[in-house]
């Protein structure tokens, strides 16, 4: 189980990685350490952060676990999350269209 940690507004985005970790990690725009190369896959976040009853974000389609793990995922894992989230959003839209008719 994951716990939500408070947002750290004291971490500027231009801050570098912790000493001794530069070769193994990259620093993303949020100031979080992430696997090297992972920054090539953009976050699907749409800033509509509301979880539905399935535990999926209504904005981006990611699960709570996928959101919590995002900064630790490498590029292939991030791409898989983006694909799965896109498929979830498409299914949600199909359900909504079916329910509306």
PDB file of N, CA and C in Angstrom:
ATOM      1  N   UNK A   1       0.845  -1.173   0.000  1.00  0.00           N
ATOM      2  CA  UNK A   1       0.000   0.000   0.000  1.00  0.00           C
ATOM      3  C   UNK A   1       0.895   1.241   0.000  1.00  0.00           C
ATOM      4  N   UNK A   2       0.463   2.249  -0.695  1.00  0.00           N
ATOM      5  CA  UNK A   2       1.216   3.479  -0.791  1.00  0.00           C
ATOM      6  C   UNK A   2       0.603   4.539   0.102  1.00  0.00           C
ATOM      7  N   UNK A   3       1.457   5.420   0.617  1.00  0.00           N
ATOM      8  CA  UNK A   3       0.955   6.552   1.367  1.00  0.00           C
ATOM      9  C   UNK A   3       1.221   7.806   0.566  1.00  0.00           C
ATOM     10  N   UNK A   4       0.296   8.731   0.694  1.00  0.00           N
ATOM     11  CA  UNK A   4       0.472  10.016   0.031  1.00  0.00           C
ATOM     12  C   UNK A   4       1.376  10.867   0.883  1.00  0.00           C
ATOM     13  N   UNK A   5       2.372  11.473   0.255  1.00  0.00           N
ATOM     14  CA  UNK A   5       3.278  12.361   0.962  1.00  0.00           C
ATOM     15  C   UNK A   5       2.912  13.799   0.635  1.00  0.00           C
ATOM     16  N   UNK A   6       3.109  14.696   1.551  1.00  0.00           N
ATOM     17  CA  UNK A   6       2.758  16.087   1.282  1.00  0.00           C
ATOM     18  C   UNK A   6       3.618  16.664   0.170  1.00  0.00           C
ATOM     19  N   UNK A   7       3.035  17.569  -0.609  1.00  0.00           N
ATOM     20  CA  UNK A   7       3.763  18.253  -1.669  1.00  0.00           C
ATOM     21  C   UNK A   7       4.808  19.146  -1.032  1.00  0.00           C
ATOM     22  N   UNK A   8       6.007  19.117  -1.582  1.00  0.00           N
ATOM     23  CA  UNK A   8       7.087  19.942  -1.035  1.00  0.00           C
ATOM     24  C   UNK A   8       7.296  21.146  -1.927  1.00  0.00           C
ATOM     25  N   UNK A   9       6.709  22.245  -1.553  1.00  0.00           N
ATOM     26  CA  UNK A   9       6.834  23.459  -2.350  1.00  0.00           C
ATOM     27  C   UNK A   9       8.219  24.093  -2.220  1.00  0.00           C
ATOM     28  N   UNK A  10       9.042  23.590  -1.308  1.00  0.00           N
ATOM     29  CA  UNK A  10      10.374  24.152  -1.125  1.00  0.00           C
ATOM     30  C   UNK A  10      11.395  23.537  -2.085  1.00  0.00           C
ATOM     31  N   UNK A  11      10.960  22.659  -2.993  1.00  0.00           N
ATOM     32  CA  UNK A  11      11.877  22.042  -3.940  1.00  0.00           C
ATOM     33  C   UNK A  11      11.776  22.744  -5.288  1.00  0.00           C
ATOM     34  N   UNK A  12      12.699  23.629  -5.613  1.00  0.00           N
ATOM     35  CA  UNK A  12      12.638  24.289  -6.909  1.00  0.00           C
ATOM     36  C   UNK A  12      12.920  23.297  -8.027  1.00  0.00           C
ATOM     37  N   UNK A  13      12.344  23.541  -9.207  1.00  0.00           N
ATOM     38  CA  UNK A  13      12.478  22.606 -10.315  1.00  0.00           C
ATOM     39  C   UNK A  13      13.887  22.557 -10.878  1.00  0.00           C
ATOM     40  N   UNK A  14      14.719  23.570 -10.591  1.00  0.00           N
ATOM     41  CA  UNK A  14      16.069  23.561 -11.133  1.00  0.00           C
ATOM     42  C   UNK A  14      17.083  22.920 -10.191  1.00  0.00           C
ATOM     43  N   UNK A  15      16.619  22.397  -9.105  1.00  0.00           N
ATOM     44  CA  UNK A  15      17.497  21.738  -8.141  1.00  0.00           C
ATOM     45  C   UNK A  15      17.997  20.442  -8.737  1.00  0.00           C
ATOM     46  N   UNK A  16      19.229  20.136  -8.571  1.00  0.00           N
ATOM     47  CA  UNK A  16      19.825  18.922  -9.138  1.00  0.00           C
ATOM     48  C   UNK A  16      19.584  17.707  -8.276  1.00  0.00           C
ATOM     49  N   UNK A  17      20.036  16.546  -8.751  1.00  0.00           N
ATOM     50  CA  UNK A  17      19.848  15.311  -7.986  1.00  0.00           C
ATOM     51  C   UNK A  17      20.690  15.307  -6.720  1.00  0.00           C
ATOM     52  N   UNK A  18      20.287  14.496  -5.757  1.00  0.00           N
ATOM     53  CA  UNK A  18      21.089  14.389  -4.542  1.00  0.00           C
ATOM     54  C   UNK A  18      22.502  13.940  -4.889  1.00  0.00           C
ATOM     55  N   UNK A  19      23.471  14.387  -4.122  1.00  0.00           N
ATOM     56  CA  UNK A  19      24.870  14.072  -4.385  1.00  0.00           C
ATOM     57  C   UNK A  19      25.082  12.561  -4.472  1.00  0.00           C
ATOM     58  N   UNK A  20      25.841  12.147  -5.480  1.00  0.00           N
ATOM     59  CA  UNK A  20      26.157  10.734  -5.632  1.00  0.00           C
ATOM     60  C   UNK A  20      25.139   9.938  -6.422  1.00  0.00           C
ATOM     61  N   UNK A  21      24.065  10.568  -6.921  1.00  0.00           N
ATOM     62  CA  UNK A  21      23.053   9.808  -7.668  1.00  0.00           C
ATOM     63  C   UNK A  21      22.910  10.291  -9.098  1.00  0.00           C
ATOM     64  N   UNK A  22      23.710  11.269  -9.523  1.00  0.00           N
ATOM     65  CA  UNK A  22      23.561  11.866 -10.843  1.00  0.00           C
ATOM     66  C   UNK A  22      23.656  10.888 -11.999  1.00  0.00           C
ATOM     67  N   UNK A  23      24.493   9.879 -11.907  1.00  0.00           N
ATOM     68  CA  UNK A  23      24.653   8.944 -13.014  1.00  0.00           C
ATOM     69  C   UNK A  23      23.470   8.004 -13.149  1.00  0.00           C
ATOM     70  N   UNK A  24      22.812   7.716 -12.063  1.00  0.00           N
ATOM     71  CA  UNK A  24      21.726   6.738 -12.088  1.00  0.00           C
ATOM     72  C   UNK A  24      20.362   7.360 -12.294  1.00  0.00           C
ATOM     73  N   UNK A  25      20.247   8.645 -12.089  1.00  0.00           N
ATOM     74  CA  UNK A  25      18.934   9.270 -12.145  1.00  0.00           C
ATOM     75  C   UNK A  25      18.953  10.552 -12.954  1.00  0.00           C
ATOM     76  N   UNK A  26      17.776  10.984 -13.334  1.00  0.00           N
ATOM     77  CA  UNK A  26      17.586  12.293 -13.954  1.00  0.00           C
ATOM     78  C   UNK A  26      16.681  13.081 -13.037  1.00  0.00           C
ATOM     79  N   UNK A  27      16.655  14.382 -13.188  1.00  0.00           N
ATOM     80  CA  UNK A  27      15.822  15.209 -12.317  1.00  0.00           C
ATOM     81  C   UNK A  27      14.678  15.731 -13.148  1.00  0.00           C
ATOM     82  N   UNK A  28      13.441  15.391 -12.794  1.00  0.00           N
ATOM     83  CA  UNK A  28      12.303  15.840 -13.595  1.00  0.00           C
ATOM     84  C   UNK A  28      11.860  17.236 -13.177  1.00  0.00           C
ATOM     85  N   UNK A  29      10.904  17.802 -13.896  1.00  0.00           N
ATOM     86  CA  UNK A  29      10.496  19.184 -13.667  1.00  0.00           C
ATOM     87  C   UNK A  29       9.857  19.420 -12.304  1.00  0.00           C
ATOM     88  N   UNK A  30       9.417  18.352 -11.631  1.00  0.00           N
ATOM     89  CA  UNK A  30       8.820  18.528 -10.313  1.00  0.00           C
ATOM     90  C   UNK A  30       9.872  18.526  -9.212  1.00  0.00           C
ATOM     91  N   UNK A  31      11.142  18.323  -9.590  1.00  0.00           N
ATOM     92  CA  UNK A  31      12.200  18.261  -8.590  1.00  0.00           C
ATOM     93  C   UNK A  31      12.365  16.877  -8.001  1.00  0.00           C
ATOM     94  N   UNK A  32      11.737  15.883  -8.608  1.00  0.00           N
ATOM     95  CA  UNK A  32      11.821  14.511  -8.115  1.00  0.00           C
ATOM     96  C   UNK A  32      12.840  13.731  -8.924  1.00  0.00           C
ATOM     97  N   UNK A  33      13.525  12.830  -8.275  1.00  0.00           N
ATOM     98  CA  UNK A  33      14.477  11.968  -8.945  1.00  0.00           C
ATOM     99  C   UNK A  33      13.712  10.909  -9.726  1.00  0.00           C
ATOM    100  N   UNK A  34      14.127  10.614 -10.962  1.00  0.00           N
ATOM    101  CA  UNK A  34      13.468   9.594 -11.774  1.00  0.00           C
ATOM    102  C   UNK A  34      14.522   8.829 -12.565  1.00  0.00           C
ATOM    103  N   UNK A  35      14.199   7.608 -13.017  1.00  0.00           N
ATOM    104  CA  UNK A  35      15.170   6.830 -13.782  1.00  0.00           C
ATOM    105  C   UNK A  35      15.627   7.577 -15.029  1.00  0.00           C
ATOM    106  N   UNK A  36      16.903   7.406 -15.378  1.00  0.00           N
ATOM    107  CA  UNK A  36      17.474   8.093 -16.542  1.00  0.00           C
ATOM    108  C   UNK A  36      16.688   7.743 -17.801  1.00  0.00           C
ATOM    109  N   UNK A  37      16.331   8.739 -18.590  1.00  0.00           N
ATOM    110  CA  UNK A  37      15.593   8.538 -19.826  1.00  0.00           C
ATOM    111  C   UNK A  37      14.085   8.580 -19.651  1.00  0.00           C
ATOM    112  N   UNK A  38      13.599   8.477 -18.431  1.00  0.00           N
ATOM    113  CA  UNK A  38      12.152   8.437 -18.183  1.00  0.00           C
ATOM    114  C   UNK A  38      11.483   9.755 -18.536  1.00  0.00           C
ATOM    115  N   UNK A  39      12.235  10.861 -18.470  1.00  0.00           N
ATOM    116  CA  UNK A  39      11.638  12.155 -18.762  1.00  0.00           C
ATOM    117  C   UNK A  39      11.200  12.280 -20.219  1.00  0.00           C
ATOM    118  N   UNK A  40      11.609  11.328 -21.068  1.00  0.00           N
ATOM    119  CA  UNK A  40      11.195  11.366 -22.479  1.00  0.00           C
ATOM    120  C   UNK A  40       9.717  11.002 -22.653  1.00  0.00           C
ATOM    121  N   UNK A  41       9.094  10.438 -21.625  1.00  0.00           N
ATOM    122  CA  UNK A  41       7.664  10.103 -21.674  1.00  0.00           C
ATOM    123  C   UNK A  41       6.932  11.095 -20.784  1.00  0.00           C
ATOM    124  N   UNK A  42       6.133  11.952 -21.410  1.00  0.00           N
ATOM    125  CA  UNK A  42       5.424  12.994 -20.673  1.00  0.00           C
ATOM    126  C   UNK A  42       4.308  12.410 -19.813  1.00  0.00           C
ATOM    127  N   UNK A  43       4.100  13.029 -18.681  1.00  0.00           N
ATOM    128  CA  UNK A  43       3.011  12.624 -17.804  1.00  0.00           C
ATOM    129  C   UNK A  43       1.673  12.884 -18.489  1.00  0.00           C
ATOM    130  N   UNK A  44       0.732  11.957 -18.360  1.00  0.00           N
ATOM    131  CA  UNK A  44      -0.590  12.173 -18.953  1.00  0.00           C
ATOM    132  C   UNK A  44      -1.495  13.056 -18.093  1.00  0.00           C
ATOM    133  N   UNK A  45      -0.982  13.575 -16.996  1.00  0.00           N
ATOM    134  CA  UNK A  45      -1.785  14.380 -16.082  1.00  0.00           C
ATOM    135  C   UNK A  45      -2.442  15.554 -16.798  1.00  0.00           C
ATOM    136  N   UNK A  46      -3.739  15.743 -16.542  1.00  0.00           N
ATOM    137  CA  UNK A  46      -4.496  16.851 -17.129  1.00  0.00           C
ATOM    138  C   UNK A  46      -4.919  17.854 -16.066  1.00  0.00           C
ATOM    139  N   UNK A  47      -4.415  17.697 -14.849  1.00  0.00           N
ATOM    140  CA  UNK A  47      -4.742  18.557 -13.705  1.00  0.00           C
ATOM    141  C   UNK A  47      -6.217  18.477 -13.323  1.00  0.00           C
ATOM    142  N   UNK A  48      -6.857  17.359 -13.638  1.00  0.00           N
ATOM    143  CA  UNK A  48      -8.222  17.061 -13.191  1.00  0.00           C
ATOM    144  C   UNK A  48      -8.068  15.837 -12.288  1.00  0.00           C
ATOM    145  N   UNK A  49      -7.619  16.069 -11.081  1.00  0.00           N
ATOM    146  CA  UNK A  49      -7.240  14.981 -10.185  1.00  0.00           C
ATOM    147  C   UNK A  49      -8.405  14.554  -9.301  1.00  0.00           C
ATOM    148  N   UNK A  50      -9.279  13.734  -9.865  1.00  0.00           N
ATOM    149  CA  UNK A  50     -10.450  13.217  -9.160  1.00  0.00           C
ATOM    150  C   UNK A  50     -10.507  11.719  -9.412  1.00  0.00           C
ATOM    151  N   UNK A  51     -10.549  10.936  -8.334  1.00  0.00           N
ATOM    152  CA  UNK A  51     -10.620   9.484  -8.486  1.00  0.00           C
ATOM    153  C   UNK A  51     -12.066   9.023  -8.544  1.00  0.00           C
ATOM    154  N   UNK A  52     -12.354   8.120  -9.474  1.00  0.00           N
ATOM    155  CA  UNK A  52     -13.700   7.561  -9.566  1.00  0.00           C
ATOM    156  C   UNK A  52     -13.820   6.365  -8.625  1.00  0.00           C
ATOM    157  N   UNK A  53     -14.962   5.710  -8.641  1.00  0.00           N
ATOM    158  CA  UNK A  53     -15.178   4.584  -7.724  1.00  0.00           C
ATOM    159  C   UNK A  53     -14.270   3.400  -8.011  1.00  0.00           C
ATOM    160  N   UNK A  54     -13.689   3.342  -9.198  1.00  0.00           N
ATOM    161  CA  UNK A  54     -12.746   2.277  -9.556  1.00  0.00           C
ATOM    162  C   UNK A  54     -11.324   2.594  -9.095  1.00  0.00           C
ATOM    163  N   UNK A  55     -11.110   3.808  -8.581  1.00  0.00           N
ATOM    164  CA  UNK A  55      -9.776   4.221  -8.170  1.00  0.00           C
ATOM    165  C   UNK A  55      -8.942   4.727  -9.326  1.00  0.00           C
ATOM    166  N   UNK A  56      -9.622   5.173 -10.399  1.00  0.00           N
ATOM    167  CA  UNK A  56      -8.942   5.713 -11.572  1.00  0.00           C
ATOM    168  C   UNK A  56      -9.171   7.220 -11.632  1.00  0.00           C
ATOM    169  N   UNK A  57      -8.132   7.948 -12.019  1.00  0.00           N
ATOM    170  CA  UNK A  57      -8.262   9.399 -12.148  1.00  0.00           C
ATOM    171  C   UNK A  57      -9.164   9.727 -13.330  1.00  0.00           C
ATOM    172  N   UNK A  58     -10.146  10.582 -13.109  1.00  0.00           N
ATOM    173  CA  UNK A  58     -11.061  10.972 -14.177  1.00  0.00           C
ATOM    174  C   UNK A  58     -10.373  11.848 -15.216  1.00  0.00           C
ATOM    175  N   UNK A  59      -9.279  12.479 -14.860  1.00  0.00           N
ATOM    176  CA  UNK A  59      -8.559  13.331 -15.805  1.00  0.00           C
ATOM    177  C   UNK A  59      -7.632  12.547 -16.711  1.00  0.00           C
ATOM    178  N   UNK A  60      -6.689  11.812 -16.117  1.00  0.00           N
ATOM    179  CA  UNK A  60      -5.662  11.143 -16.921  1.00  0.00           C
ATOM    180  C   UNK A  60      -5.897   9.651 -17.113  1.00  0.00           C
ATOM    181  N   UNK A  61      -6.734   9.044 -16.296  1.00  0.00           N
ATOM    182  CA  UNK A  61      -7.018   7.623 -16.438  1.00  0.00           C
ATOM    183  C   UNK A  61      -6.085   6.703 -15.675  1.00  0.00           C
ATOM    184  N   UNK A  62      -5.084   7.272 -14.985  1.00  0.00           N
ATOM    185  CA  UNK A  62      -4.168   6.422 -14.229  1.00  0.00           C
ATOM    186  C   UNK A  62      -4.795   5.982 -12.907  1.00  0.00           C
ATOM    187  N   UNK A  63      -4.309   4.866 -12.385  1.00  0.00           N
ATOM    188  CA  UNK A  63      -4.726   4.400 -11.064  1.00  0.00           C
ATOM    189  C   UNK A  63      -3.910   5.135 -10.006  1.00  0.00           C
ATOM    190  N   UNK A  64      -4.337   5.035  -8.767  1.00  0.00           N
ATOM    191  CA  UNK A  64      -3.599   5.655  -7.661  1.00  0.00           C
ATOM    192  C   UNK A  64      -2.172   5.118  -7.621  1.00  0.00           C
ATOM    193  N   UNK A  65      -2.006   3.818  -7.771  1.00  0.00           N
ATOM    194  CA  UNK A  65      -0.664   3.232  -7.729  1.00  0.00           C
ATOM    195  C   UNK A  65       0.200   3.747  -8.877  1.00  0.00           C
ATOM    196  N   UNK A  66      -0.378   3.869 -10.071  1.00  0.00           N
ATOM    197  CA  UNK A  66       0.394   4.381 -11.212  1.00  0.00           C
ATOM    198  C   UNK A  66       0.826   5.824 -10.991  1.00  0.00           C
ATOM    199  N   UNK A  67      -0.046   6.612 -10.408  1.00  0.00           N
ATOM    200  CA  UNK A  67       0.292   8.003 -10.102  1.00  0.00           C
ATOM    201  C   UNK A  67       1.409   8.052  -9.066  1.00  0.00           C
ATOM    202  N   UNK A  68       1.284   7.259  -8.016  1.00  0.00           N
ATOM    203  CA  UNK A  68       2.275   7.260  -6.939  1.00  0.00           C
ATOM    204  C   UNK A  68       3.638   6.764  -7.412  1.00  0.00           C
ATOM    205  N   UNK A  69       3.656   5.824  -8.338  1.00  0.00           N
ATOM    206  CA  UNK A  69       4.914   5.239  -8.815  1.00  0.00           C
ATOM    207  C   UNK A  69       5.542   5.987  -9.986  1.00  0.00           C
ATOM    208  N   UNK A  70       4.837   6.961 -10.566  1.00  0.00           N
ATOM    209  CA  UNK A  70       5.277   7.604 -11.803  1.00  0.00           C
ATOM    210  C   UNK A  70       6.742   8.029 -11.771  1.00  0.00           C
ATOM    211  N   UNK A  71       7.195   8.684 -10.723  1.00  0.00           N
ATOM    212  CA  UNK A  71       8.567   9.203 -10.686  1.00  0.00           C
ATOM    213  C   UNK A  71       9.609   8.099 -10.593  1.00  0.00           C
ATOM    214  N   UNK A  72       9.204   6.876 -10.278  1.00  0.00           N
ATOM    215  CA  UNK A  72      10.171   5.781 -10.174  1.00  0.00           C
ATOM    216  C   UNK A  72      10.212   4.921 -11.436  1.00  0.00           C
ATOM    217  N   UNK A  73       9.298   5.138 -12.374  1.00  0.00           N
ATOM    218  CA  UNK A  73       9.207   4.305 -13.567  1.00  0.00           C
ATOM    219  C   UNK A  73      10.184   4.743 -14.648  1.00  0.00           C
ATOM    220  N   UNK A  74      10.742   3.753 -15.368  1.00  0.00           N
ATOM    221  CA  UNK A  74      11.586   4.079 -16.516  1.00  0.00           C
ATOM    222  C   UNK A  74      10.697   4.350 -17.728  1.00  0.00           C
ATOM    223  N   UNK A  75      11.289   4.743 -18.849  1.00  0.00           N
ATOM    224  CA  UNK A  75      10.527   5.145 -20.033  1.00  0.00           C
ATOM    225  C   UNK A  75       9.585   4.052 -20.552  1.00  0.00           C
ATOM    226  N   UNK A  76      10.014   2.784 -20.693  1.00  0.00           N
ATOM    227  CA  UNK A  76       9.081   1.764 -21.179  1.00  0.00           C
ATOM    228  C   UNK A  76       7.900   1.539 -20.232  1.00  0.00           C
ATOM    229  N   UNK A  77       8.155   1.589 -18.935  1.00  0.00           N
ATOM    230  CA  UNK A  77       7.066   1.411 -17.964  1.00  0.00           C
ATOM    231  C   UNK A  77       6.111   2.604 -18.018  1.00  0.00           C
ATOM    232  N   UNK A  78       6.644   3.816 -18.170  1.00  0.00           N
ATOM    233  CA  UNK A  78       5.789   4.998 -18.289  1.00  0.00           C
ATOM    234  C   UNK A  78       4.933   4.911 -19.550  1.00  0.00           C
ATOM    235  N   UNK A  79       5.537   4.453 -20.660  1.00  0.00           N
ATOM    236  CA  UNK A  79       4.781   4.322 -21.913  1.00  0.00           C
ATOM    237  C   UNK A  79       3.646   3.315 -21.745  1.00  0.00           C
ATOM    238  N   UNK A  80       3.896   2.229 -21.005  1.00  0.00           N
ATOM    239  CA  UNK A  80       2.851   1.232 -20.756  1.00  0.00           C
ATOM    240  C   UNK A  80       1.722   1.830 -19.912  1.00  0.00           C
ATOM    241  N   UNK A  81       2.070   2.639 -18.931  1.00  0.00           N
ATOM    242  CA  UNK A  81       1.060   3.299 -18.094  1.00  0.00           C
ATOM    243  C   UNK A  81       0.227   4.253 -18.942  1.00  0.00           C
ATOM    244  N   UNK A  82       0.875   5.035 -19.816  1.00  0.00           N
ATOM    245  CA  UNK A  82       0.150   5.976 -20.673  1.00  0.00           C
ATOM    246  C   UNK A  82      -0.821   5.213 -21.577  1.00  0.00           C
ATOM    247  N   UNK A  83      -0.384   4.093 -22.148  1.00  0.00           N
ATOM    248  CA  UNK A  83      -1.254   3.291 -23.009  1.00  0.00           C
ATOM    249  C   UNK A  83      -2.450   2.753 -22.228  1.00  0.00           C
ATOM    250  N   UNK A  84      -2.192   2.187 -21.053  1.00  0.00           N
ATOM    251  CA  UNK A  84      -3.278   1.641 -20.229  1.00  0.00           C
ATOM    252  C   UNK A  84      -4.256   2.747 -19.819  1.00  0.00           C
ATOM    253  N   UNK A  85      -3.735   3.907 -19.459  1.00  0.00           N
ATOM    254  CA  UNK A  85      -4.592   5.029 -19.053  1.00  0.00           C
ATOM    255  C   UNK A  85      -5.444   5.512 -20.226  1.00  0.00           C
ATOM    256  N   UNK A  86      -4.863   5.542 -21.413  1.00  0.00           N
ATOM    257  CA  UNK A  86      -5.607   5.950 -22.608  1.00  0.00           C
ATOM    258  C   UNK A  86      -6.748   4.975 -22.882  1.00  0.00           C
ATOM    259  N   UNK A  87      -6.473   3.688 -22.724  1.00  0.00           N
ATOM    260  CA  UNK A  87      -7.506   2.671 -22.922  1.00  0.00           C
ATOM    261  C   UNK A  87      -8.612   2.795 -21.876  1.00  0.00           C
ATOM    262  N   UNK A  88      -8.239   3.086 -20.637  1.00  0.00           N
ATOM    263  CA  UNK A  88      -9.254   3.272 -19.583  1.00  0.00           C
ATOM    264  C   UNK A  88     -10.145   4.468 -19.884  1.00  0.00           C
ATOM    265  N   UNK A  89      -9.533   5.587 -20.331  1.00  0.00           N
ATOM    266  CA  UNK A  89     -10.326   6.778 -20.666  1.00  0.00           C
ATOM    267  C   UNK A  89     -11.286   6.483 -21.816  1.00  0.00           C
ATOM    268  N   UNK A  90     -10.833   5.720 -22.813  1.00  0.00           N
ATOM    269  CA  UNK A  90     -11.699   5.370 -23.951  1.00  0.00           C
ATOM    270  C   UNK A  90     -12.872   4.513 -23.486  1.00  0.00           C
ATOM    271  N   UNK A  91     -12.614   3.552 -22.599  1.00  0.00           N
ATOM    272  CA  UNK A  91     -13.703   2.719 -22.062  1.00  0.00           C
ATOM    273  C   UNK A  91     -14.673   3.563 -21.254  1.00  0.00           C
ATOM    274  N   UNK A  92     -14.144   4.514 -20.456  1.00  0.00           N
ATOM    275  CA  UNK A  92     -15.010   5.379 -19.646  1.00  0.00           C
ATOM    276  C   UNK A  92     -15.901   6.228 -20.558  1.00  0.00           C
ATOM    277  N   UNK A  93     -15.332   6.768 -21.627  1.00  0.00           N
ATOM    278  CA  UNK A  93     -16.108   7.585 -22.565  1.00  0.00           C
ATOM    279  C   UNK A  93     -17.180   6.740 -23.268  1.00  0.00           C
ATOM    280  N   UNK A  94     -16.836   5.500 -23.621  1.00  0.00           N
ATOM    281  CA  UNK A  94     -17.820   4.608 -24.262  1.00  0.00           C
ATOM    282  C   UNK A  94     -18.954   4.305 -23.308  1.00  0.00           C
ATOM    283  N   UNK A  95     -18.638   4.055 -22.033  1.00  0.00           N
ATOM    284  CA  UNK A  95     -19.692   3.808 -21.023  1.00  0.00           C
ATOM    285  C   UNK A  95     -20.590   5.023 -20.869  1.00  0.00           C
ATOM    286  N   UNK A  96     -19.963   6.203 -20.808  1.00  0.00           N
ATOM    287  CA  UNK A  96     -20.738   7.438 -20.640  1.00  0.00           C
ATOM    288  C   UNK A  96     -21.652   7.667 -21.838  1.00  0.00           C
ATOM    289  N   UNK A  97     -21.170   7.411 -23.038  1.00  0.00           N
ATOM    290  CA  UNK A  97     -21.997   7.575 -24.246  1.00  0.00           C
ATOM    291  C   UNK A  97     -23.148   6.581 -24.252  1.00  0.00           C
ATOM    292  N   UNK A  98     -22.846   5.350 -23.848  1.00  0.00           N
ATOM    293  CA  UNK A  98     -23.880   4.298 -23.802  1.00  0.00           C
ATOM    294  C   UNK A  98     -24.919   4.637 -22.748  1.00  0.00           C
ATOM    295  N   UNK A  99     -24.487   5.114 -21.601  1.00  0.00           N
ATOM    296  CA  UNK A  99     -25.406   5.459 -20.517  1.00  0.00           C
ATOM    297  C   UNK A  99     -26.272   6.679 -20.863  1.00  0.00           C
ATOM    298  N   UNK A 100     -25.732   7.575 -21.677  1.00  0.00           N
ATOM    299  CA  UNK A 100     -26.461   8.791 -22.043  1.00  0.00           C
ATOM    300  C   UNK A 100     -27.564   8.517 -23.061  1.00  0.00           C
ATOM    301  N   UNK A 101     -27.445   7.416 -23.805  1.00  0.00           N
ATOM    302  CA  UNK A 101     -28.454   7.147 -24.836  1.00  0.00           C
ATOM    303  C   UNK A 101     -29.556   6.229 -24.363  1.00  0.00           C
TER     304      UNK A 101
END
